[in-house]
Protein backbone atom coordinates (compact mmCIF):
# COMPACT_ATOMS: atom_id res chain seq x y z
CA UNK A 1 0.00 0.00 0.00
CA UNK A 2 2.06 2.93 -1.32
CA UNK A 3 1.06 6.56 -1.02
CA UNK A 4 2.26 9.28 -3.37
CA UNK A 5 5.95 9.35 -4.14
CA UNK A 6 7.76 12.39 -2.73
CA UNK A 7 10.79 13.97 -4.41
CA UNK A 8 13.65 14.99 -2.12
CA UNK A 9 17.20 16.19 -2.72
CA UNK A 10 20.13 14.02 -1.70
CA UNK A 11 21.39 16.52 0.90
CA UNK A 12 18.01 16.78 2.57
CA UNK A 13 17.57 13.00 2.43
CA UNK A 14 20.92 12.55 4.14
CA UNK A 15 19.98 15.02 6.88
CA UNK A 16 16.58 13.40 7.46
CA UNK A 17 17.53 9.74 6.83
CA UNK A 18 16.03 8.27 10.04
CA UNK A 19 12.75 10.08 9.48
CA UNK A 20 12.58 8.92 5.86
CA UNK A 21 13.22 5.29 6.82
CA UNK A 22 10.43 5.50 9.41
CA UNK A 23 8.06 6.99 6.83
CA UNK A 24 8.98 4.34 4.25
CA UNK A 25 8.03 1.75 6.86
CA UNK A 26 4.59 3.33 6.92
CA UNK A 27 4.18 3.03 3.15
CA UNK A 28 5.63 6.25 1.73
CA UNK A 29 8.23 6.27 -1.03
CA UNK A 30 10.78 8.86 -2.10
CA UNK A 31 12.65 9.75 -5.27
CA UNK A 32 16.14 10.97 -4.38
CA UNK A 33 17.45 13.70 -6.71
CA UNK A 34 20.82 15.34 -7.24
CA UNK A 35 20.73 18.73 -8.92
CA UNK A 36 17.12 18.08 -9.89
CA UNK A 37 17.79 14.75 -11.64
CA UNK A 38 16.45 11.49 -10.21
CA UNK A 39 19.29 9.29 -8.90
CA UNK A 40 17.47 6.66 -6.83
CA UNK A 41 14.40 5.63 -4.91
CA UNK A 42 13.74 4.86 -1.28
CA UNK A 43 10.91 2.34 -1.01
CA UNK A 44 9.97 -0.36 1.45
CA UNK A 45 9.78 -4.04 0.60
CA UNK A 46 6.47 -5.55 -0.40
CA UNK A 47 4.83 -7.68 2.29
CA UNK A 48 5.86 -11.07 0.88
CA UNK A 49 9.36 -9.76 0.15
CA UNK A 50 9.60 -8.37 3.68
CA UNK A 51 8.85 -11.77 5.20
CA UNK A 52 11.41 -13.44 2.91
CA UNK A 53 14.05 -10.92 3.99
CA UNK A 54 13.31 -11.56 7.66
CA UNK A 55 13.63 -15.33 7.21
CA UNK A 56 16.85 -14.98 5.17
CA UNK A 57 18.36 -12.72 7.83
CA UNK A 58 17.50 -15.22 10.57
CA UNK A 59 19.14 -18.04 8.60
CA UNK A 60 22.26 -15.98 7.95
CA UNK A 61 22.61 -15.16 11.65
CA UNK A 62 22.23 -18.80 12.74
CA UNK A 63 25.65 -20.46 12.93
CA UNK A 64 26.00 -23.65 10.91
CA UNK A 65 26.94 -26.58 13.12
CA UNK A 66 29.03 -29.26 11.49
CA UNK A 67 28.84 -27.60 8.08
CA UNK A 68 31.58 -29.08 5.88
CA UNK A 69 33.22 -28.13 2.63
CA UNK A 70 34.72 -31.16 0.87
CA UNK A 71 35.17 -32.86 4.22
CA UNK A 72 36.67 -29.78 5.93
CA UNK A 73 35.00 -27.98 8.79
CA UNK A 74 34.53 -24.23 8.40
CA UNK A 75 36.15 -23.86 11.82
CA UNK A 76 39.30 -25.59 10.52
CA UNK A 77 39.40 -23.33 7.45
CA UNK A 78 39.12 -20.22 9.62
CA UNK A 79 41.90 -21.44 11.91
CA UNK A 80 44.10 -22.20 8.90
CA UNK A 81 43.59 -18.65 7.65
CA UNK A 82 44.72 -17.23 10.97
CA UNK A 83 48.10 -18.99 10.87
PDB file of N, CA and C in Angstrom:
ATOM      1  N   UNK A   1       0.847  -1.171   0.000  1.00  0.00           N
ATOM      2  CA  UNK A   1       0.000   0.000   0.000  1.00  0.00           C
ATOM      3  C   UNK A   1       0.898   1.242   0.000  1.00  0.00           C
ATOM      4  N   UNK A   2       1.185   1.769  -1.163  1.00  0.00           N
ATOM      5  CA  UNK A   2       2.056   2.930  -1.319  1.00  0.00           C
ATOM      6  C   UNK A   2       1.220   4.188  -1.467  1.00  0.00           C
ATOM      7  N   UNK A   3       1.693   5.256  -0.839  1.00  0.00           N
ATOM      8  CA  UNK A   3       1.063   6.556  -1.025  1.00  0.00           C
ATOM      9  C   UNK A   3       1.825   7.260  -2.139  1.00  0.00           C
ATOM     10  N   UNK A   4       1.571   8.530  -2.333  1.00  0.00           N
ATOM     11  CA  UNK A   4       2.258   9.285  -3.369  1.00  0.00           C
ATOM     12  C   UNK A   4       3.759   9.288  -3.137  1.00  0.00           C
ATOM     13  N   UNK A   5       4.503   9.291  -4.217  1.00  0.00           N
ATOM     14  CA  UNK A   5       5.955   9.352  -4.137  1.00  0.00           C
ATOM     15  C   UNK A   5       6.376  10.807  -3.971  1.00  0.00           C
ATOM     16  N   UNK A   6       7.281  11.046  -3.041  1.00  0.00           N
ATOM     17  CA  UNK A   6       7.760  12.387  -2.729  1.00  0.00           C
ATOM     18  C   UNK A   6       9.166  12.542  -3.277  1.00  0.00           C
ATOM     19  N   UNK A   7       9.452  13.677  -3.891  1.00  0.00           N
ATOM     20  CA  UNK A   7      10.789  13.966  -4.409  1.00  0.00           C
ATOM     21  C   UNK A   7      11.564  14.757  -3.364  1.00  0.00           C
ATOM     22  N   UNK A   8      12.824  14.344  -3.135  1.00  0.00           N
ATOM     23  CA  UNK A   8      13.653  14.986  -2.120  1.00  0.00           C
ATOM     24  C   UNK A   8      15.107  14.996  -2.595  1.00  0.00           C
ATOM     25  N   UNK A   9      15.803  16.078  -2.337  1.00  0.00           N
ATOM     26  CA  UNK A   9      17.203  16.191  -2.718  1.00  0.00           C
ATOM     27  C   UNK A   9      18.095  15.307  -1.858  1.00  0.00           C
ATOM     28  N   UNK A  10      19.233  14.922  -2.399  1.00  0.00           N
ATOM     29  CA  UNK A  10      20.131  14.016  -1.698  1.00  0.00           C
ATOM     30  C   UNK A  10      20.625  14.605  -0.374  1.00  0.00           C
ATOM     31  N   UNK A  11      20.917  15.894  -0.337  1.00  0.00           N
ATOM     32  CA  UNK A  11      21.395  16.519   0.899  1.00  0.00           C
ATOM     33  C   UNK A  11      20.320  16.489   1.987  1.00  0.00           C
ATOM     34  N   UNK A  12      19.104  16.806   1.600  1.00  0.00           N
ATOM     35  CA  UNK A  12      18.006  16.780   2.566  1.00  0.00           C
ATOM     36  C   UNK A  12      17.722  15.349   3.011  1.00  0.00           C
ATOM     37  N   UNK A  13      17.793  14.405   2.079  1.00  0.00           N
ATOM     38  CA  UNK A  13      17.566  12.995   2.426  1.00  0.00           C
ATOM     39  C   UNK A  13      18.617  12.520   3.430  1.00  0.00           C
ATOM     40  N   UNK A  14      19.848  12.923   3.220  1.00  0.00           N
ATOM     41  CA  UNK A  14      20.921  12.547   4.143  1.00  0.00           C
ATOM     42  C   UNK A  14      20.661  13.122   5.530  1.00  0.00           C
ATOM     43  N   UNK A  15      20.239  14.357   5.599  1.00  0.00           N
ATOM     44  CA  UNK A  15      19.983  15.020   6.879  1.00  0.00           C
ATOM     45  C   UNK A  15      18.779  14.423   7.607  1.00  0.00           C
ATOM     46  N   UNK A  16      17.824  13.898   6.861  1.00  0.00           N
ATOM     47  CA  UNK A  16      16.576  13.398   7.456  1.00  0.00           C
ATOM     48  C   UNK A  16      16.422  11.884   7.307  1.00  0.00           C
ATOM     49  N   UNK A  17      17.540  11.174   7.146  1.00  0.00           N
ATOM     50  CA  UNK A  17      17.528   9.738   6.827  1.00  0.00           C
ATOM     51  C   UNK A  17      16.643   8.924   7.774  1.00  0.00           C
ATOM     52  N   UNK A  18      16.814   9.074   9.082  1.00  0.00           N
ATOM     53  CA  UNK A  18      16.034   8.272  10.044  1.00  0.00           C
ATOM     54  C   UNK A  18      14.532   8.507   9.881  1.00  0.00           C
ATOM     55  N   UNK A  19      14.164   9.754   9.688  1.00  0.00           N
ATOM     56  CA  UNK A  19      12.747  10.080   9.483  1.00  0.00           C
ATOM     57  C   UNK A  19      12.226   9.435   8.204  1.00  0.00           C
ATOM     58  N   UNK A  20      13.017   9.492   7.131  1.00  0.00           N
ATOM     59  CA  UNK A  20      12.582   8.917   5.859  1.00  0.00           C
ATOM     60  C   UNK A  20      12.405   7.410   5.969  1.00  0.00           C
ATOM     61  N   UNK A  21      13.333   6.743   6.645  1.00  0.00           N
ATOM     62  CA  UNK A  21      13.218   5.292   6.818  1.00  0.00           C
ATOM     63  C   UNK A  21      11.946   4.949   7.597  1.00  0.00           C
ATOM     64  N   UNK A  22      11.656   5.722   8.632  1.00  0.00           N
ATOM     65  CA  UNK A  22      10.433   5.500   9.407  1.00  0.00           C
ATOM     66  C   UNK A  22       9.199   5.678   8.521  1.00  0.00           C
ATOM     67  N   UNK A  23       9.211   6.721   7.706  1.00  0.00           N
ATOM     68  CA  UNK A  23       8.064   6.989   6.826  1.00  0.00           C
ATOM     69  C   UNK A  23       7.920   5.926   5.748  1.00  0.00           C
ATOM     70  N   UNK A  24       9.035   5.422   5.237  1.00  0.00           N
ATOM     71  CA  UNK A  24       8.984   4.339   4.252  1.00  0.00           C
ATOM     72  C   UNK A  24       8.329   3.112   4.886  1.00  0.00           C
ATOM     73  N   UNK A  25       8.644   2.864   6.154  1.00  0.00           N
ATOM     74  CA  UNK A  25       8.028   1.752   6.864  1.00  0.00           C
ATOM     75  C   UNK A  25       6.522   1.877   6.975  1.00  0.00           C
ATOM     76  N   UNK A  26       6.026   3.088   6.867  1.00  0.00           N
ATOM     77  CA  UNK A  26       4.586   3.334   6.924  1.00  0.00           C
ATOM     78  C   UNK A  26       3.947   3.386   5.537  1.00  0.00           C
ATOM     79  N   UNK A  27       4.741   3.128   4.492  1.00  0.00           N
ATOM     80  CA  UNK A  27       4.180   3.031   3.147  1.00  0.00           C
ATOM     81  C   UNK A  27       4.534   4.146   2.184  1.00  0.00           C
ATOM     82  N   UNK A  28       5.251   5.167   2.638  1.00  0.00           N
ATOM     83  CA  UNK A  28       5.628   6.249   1.729  1.00  0.00           C
ATOM     84  C   UNK A  28       6.838   5.836   0.897  1.00  0.00           C
ATOM     85  N   UNK A  29       7.050   6.514  -0.199  1.00  0.00           N
ATOM     86  CA  UNK A  29       8.233   6.274  -1.031  1.00  0.00           C
ATOM     87  C   UNK A  29       8.796   7.617  -1.480  1.00  0.00           C
ATOM     88  N   UNK A  30      10.089   7.622  -1.765  1.00  0.00           N
ATOM     89  CA  UNK A  30      10.783   8.861  -2.099  1.00  0.00           C
ATOM     90  C   UNK A  30      11.665   8.670  -3.328  1.00  0.00           C
ATOM     91  N   UNK A  31      11.685   9.689  -4.173  1.00  0.00           N
ATOM     92  CA  UNK A  31      12.649   9.752  -5.274  1.00  0.00           C
ATOM     93  C   UNK A  31      13.751  10.678  -4.793  1.00  0.00           C
ATOM     94  N   UNK A  32      14.996  10.182  -4.805  1.00  0.00           N
ATOM     95  CA  UNK A  32      16.144  10.971  -4.377  1.00  0.00           C
ATOM     96  C   UNK A  32      16.748  11.638  -5.614  1.00  0.00           C
ATOM     97  N   UNK A  33      16.908  12.972  -5.564  1.00  0.00           N
ATOM     98  CA  UNK A  33      17.451  13.704  -6.710  1.00  0.00           C
ATOM     99  C   UNK A  33      18.776  14.364  -6.350  1.00  0.00           C
ATOM    100  N   UNK A  34      19.585  14.576  -7.375  1.00  0.00           N
ATOM    101  CA  UNK A  34      20.821  15.345  -7.245  1.00  0.00           C
ATOM    102  C   UNK A  34      20.806  16.369  -8.360  1.00  0.00           C
ATOM    103  N   UNK A  35      20.829  17.626  -7.966  1.00  0.00           N
ATOM    104  CA  UNK A  35      20.729  18.730  -8.922  1.00  0.00           C
ATOM    105  C   UNK A  35      19.491  18.596  -9.814  1.00  0.00           C
ATOM    106  N   UNK A  36      18.399  18.170  -9.190  1.00  0.00           N
ATOM    107  CA  UNK A  36      17.123  18.082  -9.887  1.00  0.00           C
ATOM    108  C   UNK A  36      16.915  16.844 -10.733  1.00  0.00           C
ATOM    109  N   UNK A  37      17.922  15.967 -10.820  1.00  0.00           N
ATOM    110  CA  UNK A  37      17.790  14.753 -11.638  1.00  0.00           C
ATOM    111  C   UNK A  37      17.640  13.540 -10.729  1.00  0.00           C
ATOM    112  N   UNK A  38      16.659  12.679 -11.029  1.00  0.00           N
ATOM    113  CA  UNK A  38      16.452  11.487 -10.207  1.00  0.00           C
ATOM    114  C   UNK A  38      17.691  10.589 -10.208  1.00  0.00           C
ATOM    115  N   UNK A  39      18.107  10.156  -9.019  1.00  0.00           N
ATOM    116  CA  UNK A  39      19.289   9.292  -8.897  1.00  0.00           C
ATOM    117  C   UNK A  39      18.968   7.973  -8.204  1.00  0.00           C
ATOM    118  N   UNK A  40      17.832   7.897  -7.511  1.00  0.00           N
ATOM    119  CA  UNK A  40      17.470   6.659  -6.826  1.00  0.00           C
ATOM    120  C   UNK A  40      16.121   6.779  -6.167  1.00  0.00           C
ATOM    121  N   UNK A  41      15.682   5.654  -5.613  1.00  0.00           N
ATOM    122  CA  UNK A  41      14.399   5.629  -4.907  1.00  0.00           C
ATOM    123  C   UNK A  41      14.582   4.986  -3.548  1.00  0.00           C
ATOM    124  N   UNK A  42      13.790   5.443  -2.610  1.00  0.00           N
ATOM    125  CA  UNK A  42      13.742   4.856  -1.280  1.00  0.00           C
ATOM    126  C   UNK A  42      12.331   4.314  -1.111  1.00  0.00           C
ATOM    127  N   UNK A  43      12.211   2.994  -1.132  1.00  0.00           N
ATOM    128  CA  UNK A  43      10.913   2.337  -1.014  1.00  0.00           C
ATOM    129  C   UNK A  43      11.053   1.158  -0.066  1.00  0.00           C
ATOM    130  N   UNK A  44       9.968   0.801   0.568  1.00  0.00           N
ATOM    131  CA  UNK A  44       9.969  -0.358   1.453  1.00  0.00           C
ATOM    132  C   UNK A  44       9.713  -1.628   0.665  1.00  0.00           C
ATOM    133  N   UNK A  45      10.039  -2.771   1.266  1.00  0.00           N
ATOM    134  CA  UNK A  45       9.775  -4.044   0.597  1.00  0.00           C
ATOM    135  C   UNK A  45       8.282  -4.351   0.595  1.00  0.00           C
ATOM    136  N   UNK A  46       7.859  -5.097  -0.371  1.00  0.00           N
ATOM    137  CA  UNK A  46       6.474  -5.554  -0.396  1.00  0.00           C
ATOM    138  C   UNK A  46       6.295  -6.552   0.738  1.00  0.00           C
ATOM    139  N   UNK A  47       5.083  -6.822   1.139  1.00  0.00           N
ATOM    140  CA  UNK A  47       4.828  -7.681   2.294  1.00  0.00           C
ATOM    141  C   UNK A  47       5.478  -9.059   2.163  1.00  0.00           C
ATOM    142  N   UNK A  48       5.285  -9.741   1.028  1.00  0.00           N
ATOM    143  CA  UNK A  48       5.863 -11.072   0.878  1.00  0.00           C
ATOM    144  C   UNK A  48       7.390 -11.001   0.827  1.00  0.00           C
ATOM    145  N   UNK A  49       7.922  -9.965   0.219  1.00  0.00           N
ATOM    146  CA  UNK A  49       9.358  -9.760   0.154  1.00  0.00           C
ATOM    147  C   UNK A  49       9.911  -9.462   1.543  1.00  0.00           C
ATOM    148  N   UNK A  50       9.187  -8.707   2.325  1.00  0.00           N
ATOM    149  CA  UNK A  50       9.604  -8.368   3.684  1.00  0.00           C
ATOM    150  C   UNK A  50       9.744  -9.632   4.522  1.00  0.00           C
ATOM    151  N   UNK A  51       8.791 -10.524   4.439  1.00  0.00           N
ATOM    152  CA  UNK A  51       8.846 -11.774   5.199  1.00  0.00           C
ATOM    153  C   UNK A  51      10.022 -12.626   4.740  1.00  0.00           C
ATOM    154  N   UNK A  52      10.277 -12.672   3.442  1.00  0.00           N
ATOM    155  CA  UNK A  52      11.409 -13.443   2.913  1.00  0.00           C
ATOM    156  C   UNK A  52      12.725 -12.876   3.432  1.00  0.00           C
ATOM    157  N   UNK A  53      12.833 -11.545   3.476  1.00  0.00           N
ATOM    158  CA  UNK A  53      14.050 -10.923   3.986  1.00  0.00           C
ATOM    159  C   UNK A  53      14.260 -11.234   5.467  1.00  0.00           C
ATOM    160  N   UNK A  54      13.208 -11.237   6.235  1.00  0.00           N
ATOM    161  CA  UNK A  54      13.313 -11.563   7.659  1.00  0.00           C
ATOM    162  C   UNK A  54      13.807 -12.992   7.835  1.00  0.00           C
ATOM    163  N   UNK A  55      13.235 -13.926   7.098  1.00  0.00           N
ATOM    164  CA  UNK A  55      13.633 -15.325   7.205  1.00  0.00           C
ATOM    165  C   UNK A  55      15.074 -15.533   6.744  1.00  0.00           C
ATOM    166  N   UNK A  56      15.472 -14.870   5.663  1.00  0.00           N
ATOM    167  CA  UNK A  56      16.847 -14.983   5.173  1.00  0.00           C
ATOM    168  C   UNK A  56      17.831 -14.433   6.191  1.00  0.00           C
ATOM    169  N   UNK A  57      17.493 -13.318   6.817  1.00  0.00           N
ATOM    170  CA  UNK A  57      18.358 -12.722   7.833  1.00  0.00           C
ATOM    171  C   UNK A  57      18.519 -13.655   9.021  1.00  0.00           C
ATOM    172  N   UNK A  58      17.432 -14.271   9.452  1.00  0.00           N
ATOM    173  CA  UNK A  58      17.505 -15.217  10.575  1.00  0.00           C
ATOM    174  C   UNK A  58      18.423 -16.389  10.230  1.00  0.00           C
ATOM    175  N   UNK A  59      18.297 -16.921   9.013  1.00  0.00           N
ATOM    176  CA  UNK A  59      19.137 -18.039   8.596  1.00  0.00           C
ATOM    177  C   UNK A  59      20.606 -17.636   8.552  1.00  0.00           C
ATOM    178  N   UNK A  60      20.879 -16.439   8.063  1.00  0.00           N
ATOM    179  CA  UNK A  60      22.259 -15.980   7.951  1.00  0.00           C
ATOM    180  C   UNK A  60      22.887 -15.774   9.322  1.00  0.00           C
ATOM    181  N   UNK A  61      22.103 -15.411  10.305  1.00  0.00           N
ATOM    182  CA  UNK A  61      22.610 -15.162  11.655  1.00  0.00           C
ATOM    183  C   UNK A  61      22.776 -16.442  12.463  1.00  0.00           C
ATOM    184  N   UNK A  62      22.147 -17.536  12.020  1.00  0.00           N
ATOM    185  CA  UNK A  62      22.233 -18.796  12.742  1.00  0.00           C
ATOM    186  C   UNK A  62      23.504 -19.519  12.328  1.00  0.00           C
ATOM    187  N   UNK A  63      24.405 -19.779  13.289  1.00  0.00           N
ATOM    188  CA  UNK A  63      25.649 -20.465  12.926  1.00  0.00           C
ATOM    189  C   UNK A  63      25.377 -21.885  12.439  1.00  0.00           C
ATOM    190  N   UNK A  64      26.125 -22.300  11.446  1.00  0.00           N
ATOM    191  CA  UNK A  64      25.997 -23.654  10.914  1.00  0.00           C
ATOM    192  C   UNK A  64      26.833 -24.598  11.769  1.00  0.00           C
ATOM    193  N   UNK A  65      26.214 -25.615  12.300  1.00  0.00           N
ATOM    194  CA  UNK A  65      26.938 -26.585  13.116  1.00  0.00           C
ATOM    195  C   UNK A  65      27.296 -27.772  12.248  1.00  0.00           C
ATOM    196  N   UNK A  66      28.571 -28.104  12.232  1.00  0.00           N
ATOM    197  CA  UNK A  66      29.028 -29.264  11.487  1.00  0.00           C
ATOM    198  C   UNK A  66      28.993 -29.079   9.984  1.00  0.00           C
ATOM    199  N   UNK A  67      28.849 -27.846   9.516  1.00  0.00           N
ATOM    200  CA  UNK A  67      28.841 -27.598   8.080  1.00  0.00           C
ATOM    201  C   UNK A  67      30.222 -27.904   7.516  1.00  0.00           C
ATOM    202  N   UNK A  68      30.295 -28.665   6.445  1.00  0.00           N
ATOM    203  CA  UNK A  68      31.584 -29.076   5.884  1.00  0.00           C
ATOM    204  C   UNK A  68      31.694 -28.664   4.418  1.00  0.00           C
ATOM    205  N   UNK A  69      32.928 -28.463   4.015  1.00  0.00           N
ATOM    206  CA  UNK A  69      33.222 -28.128   2.632  1.00  0.00           C
ATOM    207  C   UNK A  69      34.263 -29.126   2.154  1.00  0.00           C
ATOM    208  N   UNK A  70      33.835 -30.086   1.323  1.00  0.00           N
ATOM    209  CA  UNK A  70      34.719 -31.163   0.866  1.00  0.00           C
ATOM    210  C   UNK A  70      35.402 -31.860   2.028  1.00  0.00           C
ATOM    211  N   UNK A  71      34.634 -32.145   3.069  1.00  0.00           N
ATOM    212  CA  UNK A  71      35.172 -32.862   4.219  1.00  0.00           C
ATOM    213  C   UNK A  71      35.858 -31.986   5.244  1.00  0.00           C
ATOM    214  N   UNK A  72      36.020 -30.698   4.983  1.00  0.00           N
ATOM    215  CA  UNK A  72      36.669 -29.784   5.927  1.00  0.00           C
ATOM    216  C   UNK A  72      35.608 -29.033   6.719  1.00  0.00           C
ATOM    217  N   UNK A  73      35.899 -28.798   7.973  1.00  0.00           N
ATOM    218  CA  UNK A  73      35.003 -27.979   8.786  1.00  0.00           C
ATOM    219  C   UNK A  73      35.335 -26.514   8.553  1.00  0.00           C
ATOM    220  N   UNK A  74      34.321 -25.670   8.563  1.00  0.00           N
ATOM    221  CA  UNK A  74      34.526 -24.234   8.397  1.00  0.00           C
ATOM    222  C   UNK A  74      35.451 -23.718   9.494  1.00  0.00           C
ATOM    223  N   UNK A  75      35.295 -24.245  10.701  1.00  0.00           N
ATOM    224  CA  UNK A  75      36.151 -23.857  11.815  1.00  0.00           C
ATOM    225  C   UNK A  75      37.627 -24.102  11.486  1.00  0.00           C
ATOM    226  N   UNK A  76      37.915 -25.262  10.891  1.00  0.00           N
ATOM    227  CA  UNK A  76      39.302 -25.592  10.521  1.00  0.00           C
ATOM    228  C   UNK A  76      39.828 -24.626   9.453  1.00  0.00           C
ATOM    229  N   UNK A  77      38.982 -24.263   8.508  1.00  0.00           N
ATOM    230  CA  UNK A  77      39.402 -23.334   7.453  1.00  0.00           C
ATOM    231  C   UNK A  77      39.705 -21.953   8.045  1.00  0.00           C
ATOM    232  N   UNK A  78      38.881 -21.515   8.985  1.00  0.00           N
ATOM    233  CA  UNK A  78      39.117 -20.222   9.624  1.00  0.00           C
ATOM    234  C   UNK A  78      40.434 -20.238  10.414  1.00  0.00           C
ATOM    235  N   UNK A  79      40.656 -21.327  11.144  1.00  0.00           N
ATOM    236  CA  UNK A  79      41.897 -21.438  11.912  1.00  0.00           C
ATOM    237  C   UNK A  79      43.108 -21.465  10.989  1.00  0.00           C
ATOM    238  N   UNK A  80      42.998 -22.136   9.873  1.00  0.00           N
ATOM    239  CA  UNK A  80      44.097 -22.195   8.896  1.00  0.00           C
ATOM    240  C   UNK A  80      44.419 -20.800   8.370  1.00  0.00           C
ATOM    241  N   UNK A  81      43.383 -20.014   8.149  1.00  0.00           N
ATOM    242  CA  UNK A  81      43.588 -18.652   7.646  1.00  0.00           C
ATOM    243  C   UNK A  81      44.228 -17.730   8.664  1.00  0.00           C
ATOM    244  N   UNK A  82      44.132 -18.056   9.913  1.00  0.00           N
ATOM    245  CA  UNK A  82      44.721 -17.229  10.975  1.00  0.00           C
ATOM    246  C   UNK A  82      46.186 -17.532  11.203  1.00  0.00           C
ATOM    247  N   UNK A  83      46.682 -18.623  10.663  1.00  0.00           N
ATOM    248  CA  UNK A  83      48.097 -18.994  10.872  1.00  0.00           C
ATOM    249  C   UNK A  83      49.013 -18.169  10.024  1.00  0.00           C
TER     250      UNK A  83
END
